[in-house]
Amino acid sequence: MNKKHHSNNILSNLGIESLNEMQETAQDIILNDNNVLLLSPTGSGKTLAFLLPVLELLQPEILSVQCLILVPSRELGLQIEQVWKKMGTQYKVNICYGGHSIDTEIKNLSNPPAVLIGTPGRIADHIDRDTFRTDKIQTLILDEFDKSLQLGFHEQMSFIIGRLPKVNKRVLVSATSDIEIPKYTRVVNPRVLDFIVEEEEKANLSMKMIVSPSKDKLESLFNLICSLKSQSAIIFCNHRDAAERISDTLNEKGIYATYYHGGMDQDERERALIQFRNGSISYLITTDLAARGLDIPEMKHVIHYHLPLKEDEFTHRNGRTARMQATGTAYIIVHESEKQLDYIDYGMSVLDVKNVISLPKPPEFQTIYISGGKKTKLNKFDIVGFFSQKGKLEKDDLGLIEVKDFVSFAAVKFGKVKELLKNIKDEKMKGKKFKIEVARNVIKKEEEKNKKF
């Protein structure tokens, strides 16, 4: 009875009514088998599928790390951490990744979490420094394992796994089927749970083609965005500089867009995602970095400005829409000079966007930056209280609030921002004066340069 009641509570904390078939099956198998390979499409709820059994395996009397979750990217790690925190368990979780302050991490680990999430490079670094004990780690989870292999984390993963003497349960999770499992994982003849096959045909995903009259497809992209009835979209392209150029051009034309790629520093990437998540920016232009593992809401529209060379990347990009039962559309913009790719059916229906000229409505929210976060003892309730009492905001004027280690971001209705900033100009929050201002968009370095002259 206890276990059932326990999981009902967790589901209501997560705002979920019941588990899907994959999650139910995975939970039982992970609890009963010691080597599991879980194959399931992006967006199907894999995180919960392994976190629920992990929770049952934890023992309250053990006061050091019991489960290690290795992830290829910080974004995926932060997403798993959020889910664990929302579950409302009694157990501590921490995350370690490159670009995060190592001193903060060492301090966090001095009171060890039961669940530790991290990228292979940073976890290997901590094991090197002996900042946490590894002799009580019994469960090892390698999430988006295929991506970690692609990114070349073999050496670090091999080193980490070699330093975990007591692991007796190993779970590999992947969104692609045919992966070679390296010997160093010590996963031999795993129980394979393959949920990818039935999902291949995405019945609720429709595909549309836009034929661009010119080789530079910006005009067609602009028209397409104008035809989406002000709904937001992710736009994929193949190169970092293209992402920046497209974003700049759209902004010049009055469309609220930002870019996201691997060449940006951590803070800029985080800022771009926060603004997209909270509705201050409606269009995210990105490379394949955002095709998986990102914590962003379900999209109705995915646009391929460039097509990727490989079909599985195309599938991953499209995995951002039409998840579970929702419907979505993927658009591909093509020009006659482009080489046709084998995996695309060029007979799909063509959408004419030439005559659409009304700009999408501006975003409902603007992002406000606050110069304090968890480590300076600020939480969501402090910000909500301060903004409504001193800032005189109504409940509906506030959107998503995200509190990081040393900074926070709050979405505030566009029309209320000026008044809010005026009202709180000389006020203190929790007895302290914070810098509070409109968060800047991620803008091209050129603009920064021009300001200096």
Protein backbone atom coordinates (compact mmCIF):
# COMPACT_ATOMS: atom_id res chain seq x y z
CA MET A 1 0.00 0.00 0.00
CA ASN A 2 2.74 2.36 1.04
CA LYS A 3 4.59 2.18 -2.28
CA LYS A 4 1.42 2.87 -4.28
CA HIS A 5 0.42 5.79 -2.07
CA HIS A 6 3.97 7.06 -2.24
CA SER A 7 3.99 7.09 -6.06
CA ASN A 8 0.51 8.69 -6.22
CA ASN A 9 1.84 11.56 -4.17
CA ILE A 10 4.82 11.95 -6.47
CA LEU A 11 2.65 11.94 -9.58
CA SER A 12 0.42 14.64 -8.16
CA ASN A 13 3.53 16.71 -7.30
CA LEU A 14 4.55 16.37 -10.95
CA GLY A 15 1.05 17.19 -12.15
CA ILE A 16 0.68 13.79 -13.88
CA GLU A 17 -2.37 11.57 -13.57
CA SER A 18 -0.80 8.24 -14.40
CA LEU A 19 2.33 6.69 -15.88
CA ASN A 20 2.45 5.68 -19.53
CA GLU A 21 3.06 2.09 -20.60
CA MET A 22 6.79 2.61 -21.13
CA GLN A 23 7.21 4.12 -17.66
CA GLU A 24 5.23 1.32 -15.98
CA THR A 25 7.25 -1.40 -17.73
CA ALA A 26 10.60 0.32 -17.19
CA GLN A 27 9.91 0.78 -13.49
CA ASP A 28 9.31 -2.95 -12.94
CA ILE A 29 12.20 -4.11 -15.10
CA ILE A 30 14.74 -1.67 -13.60
CA LEU A 31 13.79 -2.82 -10.10
CA ASN A 32 14.11 -6.51 -11.02
CA ASP A 33 17.00 -6.64 -13.50
CA ASN A 34 20.57 -5.52 -12.92
CA ASN A 35 21.44 -4.59 -16.53
CA VAL A 36 18.84 -2.69 -18.51
CA LEU A 37 18.97 -0.90 -21.87
CA LEU A 38 15.97 1.41 -22.21
CA LEU A 39 15.31 2.65 -25.74
CA SER A 40 12.61 5.25 -25.98
CA PRO A 41 11.96 8.32 -28.15
CA THR A 42 12.72 11.87 -27.05
CA GLY A 43 9.82 13.35 -25.12
CA SER A 44 8.32 10.04 -24.01
CA GLY A 45 9.05 10.54 -20.31
CA LYS A 46 12.25 8.50 -19.92
CA THR A 47 13.49 10.62 -17.02
CA LEU A 48 10.63 9.61 -14.77
CA ALA A 49 10.91 6.01 -16.01
CA PHE A 50 14.29 5.67 -14.30
CA LEU A 51 13.89 8.14 -11.43
CA LEU A 52 10.91 6.31 -9.89
CA PRO A 53 12.79 3.00 -9.48
CA VAL A 54 15.88 4.90 -8.28
CA LEU A 55 13.76 6.37 -5.49
CA GLU A 56 12.71 2.89 -4.37
CA LEU A 57 16.31 1.70 -4.33
CA LEU A 58 17.57 4.50 -2.08
CA GLN A 59 18.17 3.74 1.59
CA PRO A 60 17.69 6.60 4.07
CA GLU A 61 20.37 5.35 6.45
CA ILE A 62 23.17 5.64 3.86
CA LEU A 63 24.59 9.15 4.04
CA SER A 64 26.63 9.25 0.85
CA VAL A 65 25.96 9.13 -2.90
CA GLN A 66 23.88 6.05 -3.80
CA CYS A 67 22.98 6.73 -7.43
CA LEU A 68 25.11 8.36 -10.13
CA ILE A 69 23.47 9.65 -13.32
CA LEU A 70 25.85 10.56 -16.17
CA VAL A 71 24.55 12.87 -18.90
CA PRO A 72 26.11 14.26 -22.12
CA SER A 73 25.00 17.86 -21.57
CA ARG A 74 24.34 20.22 -18.70
CA GLU A 75 20.88 21.00 -20.10
CA LEU A 76 19.79 17.38 -19.82
CA GLY A 77 21.29 17.17 -16.32
CA LEU A 78 19.42 20.28 -15.16
CA GLN A 79 16.20 18.84 -16.56
CA ILE A 80 16.64 15.60 -14.58
CA GLU A 81 17.43 17.61 -11.45
CA GLN A 82 14.21 19.62 -11.90
CA VAL A 83 12.12 16.45 -12.23
CA TRP A 84 13.69 14.97 -9.08
CA LYS A 85 13.05 18.17 -7.13
CA LYS A 86 9.43 18.35 -8.33
CA MET A 87 8.92 14.74 -7.20
CA GLY A 88 9.24 16.06 -3.65
CA THR A 89 11.29 13.18 -2.21
CA GLN A 90 13.19 13.44 1.08
CA TYR A 91 16.48 12.85 -0.73
CA LYS A 92 19.02 15.47 -1.73
CA VAL A 93 20.13 15.81 -5.37
CA ASN A 94 23.12 17.72 -6.79
CA ILE A 95 24.40 18.38 -10.27
CA CYS A 96 27.97 18.93 -11.46
CA TYR A 97 28.98 20.14 -14.93
CA GLY A 98 31.72 22.05 -16.70
CA GLY A 99 31.19 25.80 -16.58
CA HIS A 100 29.63 25.58 -13.09
CA SER A 101 31.73 26.85 -10.17
CA ILE A 102 33.77 23.90 -8.87
CA ASP A 103 33.94 25.48 -5.39
CA THR A 104 30.16 25.63 -5.19
CA GLU A 105 30.04 21.97 -6.25
CA ILE A 106 32.63 20.89 -3.68
CA LYS A 107 30.63 22.70 -1.01
CA ASN A 108 27.41 20.98 -2.16
CA LEU A 109 29.13 17.58 -2.08
CA SER A 110 30.46 18.08 1.46
CA ASN A 111 26.91 17.24 2.55
CA PRO A 112 26.57 14.39 0.03
CA PRO A 113 23.39 13.99 -2.06
CA ALA A 114 21.75 10.58 -2.45
CA VAL A 115 21.48 11.24 -6.19
CA LEU A 116 24.34 12.85 -8.10
CA ILE A 117 23.90 13.98 -11.71
CA GLY A 118 26.77 15.16 -13.87
CA THR A 119 28.63 15.34 -17.14
CA PRO A 120 31.45 12.78 -17.51
CA GLY A 121 34.29 15.33 -17.57
CA ARG A 122 33.24 17.08 -14.38
CA ILE A 123 32.36 13.89 -12.46
CA ALA A 124 35.76 12.39 -13.41
CA ASP A 125 37.34 15.58 -12.07
CA HIS A 126 35.51 15.22 -8.73
CA ILE A 127 36.48 11.54 -8.45
CA ASP A 128 40.07 12.61 -9.09
CA ARG A 129 39.84 15.15 -6.28
CA ASP A 130 38.06 12.67 -3.98
CA THR A 131 35.27 15.14 -3.26
CA PHE A 132 32.69 12.39 -2.70
CA ARG A 133 32.76 8.72 -1.72
CA THR A 134 32.04 6.20 -4.45
CA ASP A 135 31.88 3.06 -2.30
CA LYS A 136 28.13 3.33 -1.63
CA ILE A 137 27.06 3.97 -5.23
CA GLN A 138 24.91 1.01 -6.18
CA THR A 139 22.98 2.37 -9.16
CA LEU A 140 24.55 3.82 -12.30
CA ILE A 141 22.44 5.45 -15.01
CA LEU A 142 23.90 6.56 -18.34
CA ASP A 143 21.27 8.82 -19.88
CA GLU A 144 21.30 9.69 -23.61
CA PHE A 145 24.13 7.26 -23.71
CA ASP A 146 24.29 7.38 -27.53
CA LYS A 147 24.98 11.12 -27.37
CA SER A 148 27.77 10.66 -24.79
CA LEU A 149 29.46 8.19 -27.14
CA GLN A 150 28.99 10.57 -30.07
CA LEU A 151 30.61 13.35 -28.08
CA GLY A 152 33.61 11.13 -27.33
CA PHE A 153 33.28 10.79 -23.54
CA HIS A 154 34.67 7.22 -23.65
CA GLU A 155 37.79 7.85 -21.61
CA GLN A 156 36.06 9.73 -18.79
CA MET A 157 33.20 7.22 -18.61
CA SER A 158 35.60 4.30 -18.52
CA PHE A 159 37.58 6.01 -15.73
CA ILE A 160 34.45 6.77 -13.67
CA ILE A 161 32.94 3.29 -14.02
CA GLY A 162 36.29 1.76 -13.04
CA ARG A 163 36.08 3.67 -9.75
CA LEU A 164 32.63 2.41 -8.72
CA PRO A 165 33.35 -0.84 -6.83
CA LYS A 166 29.83 -1.50 -5.51
CA VAL A 167 27.56 -0.81 -8.48
CA ASN A 168 25.06 -3.62 -8.87
CA LYS A 169 22.50 -1.99 -11.14
CA ARG A 170 23.26 -0.40 -14.48
CA VAL A 171 20.72 1.34 -16.69
CA LEU A 172 21.61 2.65 -20.16
CA VAL A 173 19.08 5.02 -21.72
CA SER A 174 19.04 6.04 -25.36
CA ALA A 175 16.75 7.53 -27.99
CA THR A 176 18.42 5.62 -30.86
CA SER A 177 18.34 1.86 -31.29
CA ASP A 178 21.48 0.43 -32.80
CA ILE A 179 24.18 1.35 -30.31
CA GLU A 180 27.27 -0.65 -29.64
CA ILE A 181 27.68 -1.04 -25.86
CA PRO A 182 31.36 -0.61 -24.90
CA LYS A 183 32.93 -3.22 -22.60
CA TYR A 184 33.89 -0.66 -19.95
CA THR A 185 30.21 -0.13 -19.02
CA ARG A 186 30.24 -3.74 -17.73
CA VAL A 187 26.73 -4.10 -19.08
CA VAL A 188 26.55 -7.66 -20.34
CA ASN A 189 23.45 -9.05 -22.12
CA PRO A 190 21.16 -6.33 -20.82
CA ARG A 191 17.41 -6.68 -20.70
CA VAL A 192 16.40 -4.52 -23.68
CA LEU A 193 13.22 -2.43 -23.47
CA ASP A 194 12.64 -1.12 -26.97
CA PHE A 195 9.87 1.45 -27.27
CA ILE A 196 11.22 3.10 -30.38
CA VAL A 197 9.60 0.94 -33.03
CA GLU A 198 5.97 1.84 -32.46
CA GLU A 199 6.83 5.51 -32.25
CA GLU A 200 8.60 5.71 -35.60
CA GLU A 201 5.48 6.59 -37.54
CA LYS A 202 4.43 9.81 -35.90
CA ALA A 203 0.82 9.85 -36.93
CA ASN A 204 0.21 13.21 -35.28
CA LEU A 205 3.11 14.97 -37.00
CA SER A 206 2.32 16.64 -40.31
CA MET A 207 5.01 17.69 -42.76
CA LYS A 208 4.87 20.72 -45.05
CA MET A 209 7.32 21.99 -47.63
CA ILE A 210 8.00 25.63 -48.49
CA VAL A 211 9.80 26.22 -51.77
CA SER A 212 12.05 29.26 -51.54
CA PRO A 213 12.31 31.30 -54.77
CA SER A 214 15.80 32.51 -53.82
CA LYS A 215 18.83 30.60 -52.63
CA ASP A 216 18.89 32.67 -49.44
CA LYS A 217 15.75 31.44 -47.72
CA LEU A 218 15.33 34.28 -45.23
CA GLU A 219 12.38 35.84 -47.02
CA SER A 220 10.54 32.51 -47.09
CA LEU A 221 11.30 31.91 -43.41
CA PHE A 222 10.01 35.39 -42.53
CA ASN A 223 6.77 34.76 -44.46
CA LEU A 224 6.36 31.34 -42.88
CA ILE A 225 6.75 32.76 -39.35
CA CYS A 226 4.18 35.44 -40.19
CA SER A 227 1.75 32.69 -41.19
CA LEU A 228 1.95 30.82 -37.85
CA LYS A 229 -0.72 32.97 -36.13
CA SER A 230 1.82 34.30 -33.58
CA GLN A 231 2.58 30.80 -32.24
CA SER A 232 6.19 30.18 -31.30
CA ALA A 233 8.57 27.87 -33.18
CA ILE A 234 12.05 26.36 -33.15
CA ILE A 235 14.08 26.93 -36.30
CA PHE A 236 16.94 24.52 -37.02
CA CYS A 237 19.93 25.33 -39.17
CA ASN A 238 23.26 23.57 -39.69
CA HIS A 239 25.77 26.25 -38.69
CA ARG A 240 26.33 28.58 -35.77
CA ASP A 241 26.86 31.68 -37.89
CA ALA A 242 23.66 30.97 -39.81
CA ALA A 243 21.74 30.83 -36.51
CA GLU A 244 23.09 34.26 -35.54
CA ARG A 245 22.48 35.80 -38.96
CA ILE A 246 18.89 34.53 -39.14
CA SER A 247 18.16 35.74 -35.61
CA ASP A 248 19.58 39.20 -36.33
CA THR A 249 17.64 39.56 -39.57
CA LEU A 250 14.36 38.48 -37.98
CA ASN A 251 14.85 40.96 -35.13
CA GLU A 252 15.48 43.76 -37.63
CA LYS A 253 12.18 42.84 -39.27
CA GLY A 254 10.33 43.10 -35.94
CA ILE A 255 10.21 39.44 -34.92
CA TYR A 256 11.31 38.53 -31.39
CA ALA A 257 13.92 35.84 -31.92
CA THR A 258 17.15 34.66 -30.35
CA TYR A 259 19.83 32.11 -31.22
CA TYR A 260 21.30 29.15 -29.36
CA HIS A 261 24.42 27.16 -30.27
CA GLY A 262 27.49 25.45 -28.85
CA GLY A 263 29.79 28.42 -29.41
CA MET A 264 28.02 30.57 -26.83
CA ASP A 265 29.13 30.62 -23.23
CA GLN A 266 27.01 28.86 -20.59
CA ASP A 267 25.35 32.02 -19.29
CA GLU A 268 24.31 33.18 -22.74
CA ARG A 269 22.90 29.78 -23.60
CA GLU A 270 20.97 29.65 -20.35
CA ARG A 271 19.63 33.19 -20.86
CA ALA A 272 18.43 32.38 -24.40
CA LEU A 273 16.58 29.28 -23.18
CA ILE A 274 15.03 31.04 -20.20
CA GLN A 275 13.65 33.78 -22.44
CA PHE A 276 12.28 31.23 -24.87
CA ARG A 277 10.77 29.09 -22.08
CA ASN A 278 9.06 31.98 -20.35
CA GLY A 279 7.55 33.48 -23.50
CA SER A 280 9.71 36.65 -23.80
CA ILE A 281 11.08 35.35 -27.08
CA SER A 282 8.87 33.49 -29.55
CA TYR A 283 11.42 32.04 -31.99
CA LEU A 284 14.55 30.09 -31.13
CA ILE A 285 17.05 29.65 -33.97
CA THR A 286 19.42 26.84 -33.18
CA THR A 287 21.82 24.21 -34.41
CA ASP A 288 21.28 20.50 -33.65
CA LEU A 289 22.42 21.23 -30.10
CA ALA A 290 18.75 21.88 -29.24
CA ALA A 291 17.42 18.80 -30.99
CA ARG A 292 17.52 16.78 -27.79
CA GLY A 293 17.68 16.92 -24.04
CA LEU A 294 16.59 20.54 -23.68
CA ASP A 295 14.06 21.65 -21.16
CA ILE A 296 11.73 23.64 -23.36
CA PRO A 297 7.97 23.38 -23.69
CA GLU A 298 6.15 21.30 -26.26
CA MET A 299 6.28 23.08 -29.64
CA LYS A 300 3.56 23.21 -32.24
CA HIS A 301 6.02 24.13 -35.01
CA VAL A 302 9.49 22.93 -35.96
CA ILE A 303 11.12 24.60 -38.97
CA HIS A 304 14.08 23.14 -40.88
CA TYR A 305 15.85 26.09 -42.45
CA HIS A 306 18.58 23.63 -43.42
CA LEU A 307 18.07 19.89 -43.47
CA PRO A 308 20.52 17.76 -41.50
CA LEU A 309 22.55 15.21 -43.44
CA LYS A 310 21.45 12.27 -41.30
CA GLU A 311 17.92 11.05 -40.88
CA ASP A 312 18.22 10.41 -37.13
CA GLU A 313 19.05 14.08 -36.53
CA PHE A 314 15.93 14.98 -38.53
CA THR A 315 13.89 12.65 -36.30
CA HIS A 316 15.37 14.20 -33.15
CA ARG A 317 14.58 17.71 -34.32
CA ASN A 318 11.00 16.69 -35.07
CA GLY A 319 10.82 15.10 -31.61
CA ARG A 320 10.40 18.63 -30.28
CA THR A 321 6.81 18.61 -31.52
CA ALA A 322 3.86 16.19 -31.68
CA ARG A 323 4.85 14.58 -28.40
CA MET A 324 2.59 12.04 -26.73
CA GLN A 325 -0.92 12.83 -28.04
CA ALA A 326 -0.29 16.42 -29.17
CA THR A 327 -0.22 17.35 -32.83
CA GLY A 328 2.51 19.36 -34.49
CA THR A 329 3.92 20.39 -37.84
CA ALA A 330 7.45 20.19 -39.22
CA TYR A 331 8.22 22.57 -42.10
CA ILE A 332 11.11 22.18 -44.48
CA ILE A 333 12.30 25.14 -46.55
CA VAL A 334 13.99 24.08 -49.78
CA HIS A 335 15.54 25.73 -52.83
CA GLU A 336 15.79 24.00 -56.19
CA SER A 337 19.61 24.15 -56.16
CA GLU A 338 19.86 21.93 -53.06
CA LYS A 339 20.86 18.32 -53.31
CA GLN A 340 17.84 16.12 -52.57
CA LEU A 341 18.23 13.90 -49.50
CA ASP A 342 17.20 10.23 -49.55
CA TYR A 343 15.21 10.29 -46.33
CA ILE A 344 12.90 13.16 -47.33
CA ASP A 345 9.71 12.52 -49.28
CA TYR A 346 9.72 15.47 -51.64
CA GLY A 347 6.15 14.64 -52.66
CA MET A 348 4.75 16.13 -49.41
CA SER A 349 2.25 18.97 -49.54
CA VAL A 350 3.64 22.38 -50.42
CA LEU A 351 2.63 25.44 -48.43
CA ASP A 352 2.47 28.82 -50.13
CA VAL A 353 3.41 31.62 -47.71
CA LYS A 354 4.14 34.39 -50.20
CA ASN A 355 1.18 36.63 -49.41
CA VAL A 356 1.30 36.59 -45.65
CA ILE A 357 2.50 39.92 -44.36
CA SER A 358 1.13 40.49 -40.86
CA LEU A 359 3.83 40.33 -38.19
CA PRO A 360 3.32 37.96 -35.25
CA LYS A 361 2.10 39.66 -32.06
CA PRO A 362 4.93 40.69 -29.76
CA PRO A 363 5.54 38.35 -26.81
CA GLU A 364 3.29 38.69 -23.79
CA PHE A 365 6.21 38.76 -21.34
CA GLN A 366 9.55 40.42 -20.83
CA THR A 367 12.32 38.85 -18.75
CA ILE A 368 13.52 40.64 -15.64
CA TYR A 369 17.02 39.89 -14.32
CA ILE A 370 17.67 39.80 -10.55
CA SER A 371 21.23 39.77 -9.19
CA GLY A 372 20.62 37.10 -6.53
CA GLY A 373 19.78 33.41 -6.39
CA LYS A 374 19.77 30.23 -4.27
CA LYS A 375 23.23 30.81 -2.89
CA THR A 376 22.28 34.31 -1.77
CA LYS A 377 19.22 32.80 -0.03
CA LEU A 378 16.61 34.00 -2.53
CA ASN A 379 13.73 31.76 -3.58
CA LYS A 380 10.66 32.02 -5.83
CA PHE A 381 8.38 33.07 -2.99
CA ASP A 382 10.66 35.98 -2.07
CA ILE A 383 10.52 37.27 -5.63
CA VAL A 384 6.75 36.79 -6.00
CA GLY A 385 6.16 38.53 -2.65
CA PHE A 386 8.46 41.44 -3.45
CA PHE A 387 7.10 41.97 -6.96
CA SER A 388 3.47 41.89 -5.81
CA GLN A 389 3.79 43.90 -2.58
CA LYS A 390 6.43 46.50 -3.40
CA GLY A 391 6.14 46.22 -7.19
CA LYS A 392 2.29 46.25 -7.08
CA LEU A 393 1.96 43.45 -9.65
CA GLU A 394 -1.20 41.35 -9.90
CA LYS A 395 -0.90 37.56 -9.85
CA ASP A 396 -1.52 37.36 -13.60
CA ASP A 397 1.27 39.84 -14.38
CA LEU A 398 3.93 37.33 -13.36
CA GLY A 399 4.96 34.40 -15.51
CA LEU A 400 7.67 31.80 -15.06
CA ILE A 401 10.31 32.51 -12.39
CA GLU A 402 13.64 30.67 -12.51
CA VAL A 403 16.09 30.89 -9.62
CA LYS A 404 19.69 29.87 -10.39
CA ASP A 405 22.68 29.74 -8.01
CA PHE A 406 23.59 33.43 -8.14
CA VAL A 407 21.00 35.06 -10.43
CA SER A 408 17.26 34.79 -11.07
CA PHE A 409 14.94 35.57 -13.96
CA ALA A 410 11.24 36.43 -13.81
CA ALA A 411 8.80 36.83 -16.68
CA VAL A 412 6.65 39.95 -16.27
CA LYS A 413 3.80 41.09 -18.56
CA PHE A 414 5.27 43.46 -21.13
CA GLY A 415 3.04 46.41 -20.27
CA LYS A 416 3.78 46.22 -16.53
CA VAL A 417 7.57 46.26 -16.62
CA LYS A 418 8.15 50.03 -16.54
CA GLU A 419 5.84 50.54 -13.60
CA LEU A 420 7.32 47.59 -11.70
CA LEU A 421 10.89 48.88 -12.06
CA LYS A 422 9.79 52.34 -10.93
CA ASN A 423 7.97 50.97 -7.86
CA ILE A 424 10.86 48.85 -6.62
CA LYS A 425 13.69 51.23 -7.51
CA ASP A 426 14.69 52.01 -3.92
CA GLU A 427 13.20 48.98 -2.19
CA LYS A 428 15.02 46.11 -0.52
CA MET A 429 14.16 42.42 -0.82
CA LYS A 430 14.87 40.43 2.36
CA GLY A 431 16.74 43.45 3.70
CA LYS A 432 19.10 43.58 0.76
CA LYS A 433 19.36 45.74 -2.36
CA PHE A 434 19.52 43.68 -5.56
CA LYS A 435 20.18 44.84 -9.09
CA ILE A 436 16.87 44.35 -10.92
CA GLU A 437 16.54 45.26 -14.60
CA VAL A 438 15.28 44.07 -17.97
CA ALA A 439 17.41 41.07 -18.98
CA ARG A 440 19.33 41.79 -22.12
CA ASN A 441 18.81 39.61 -25.13
CA VAL A 442 21.73 37.63 -26.42
CA ILE A 443 22.94 40.08 -29.06
CA LYS A 444 25.68 39.95 -31.60
CA LYS A 445 29.13 41.06 -30.53
CA GLU A 446 28.98 43.65 -33.37
CA GLU A 447 26.41 45.69 -31.49
CA GLU A 448 28.60 45.61 -28.39
CA LYS A 449 31.51 46.88 -30.45
CA ASN A 450 29.49 49.70 -31.98
CA LYS A 451 28.50 50.93 -28.53
CA LYS A 452 32.13 51.63 -27.73
CA PHE A 453 32.55 54.19 -30.51
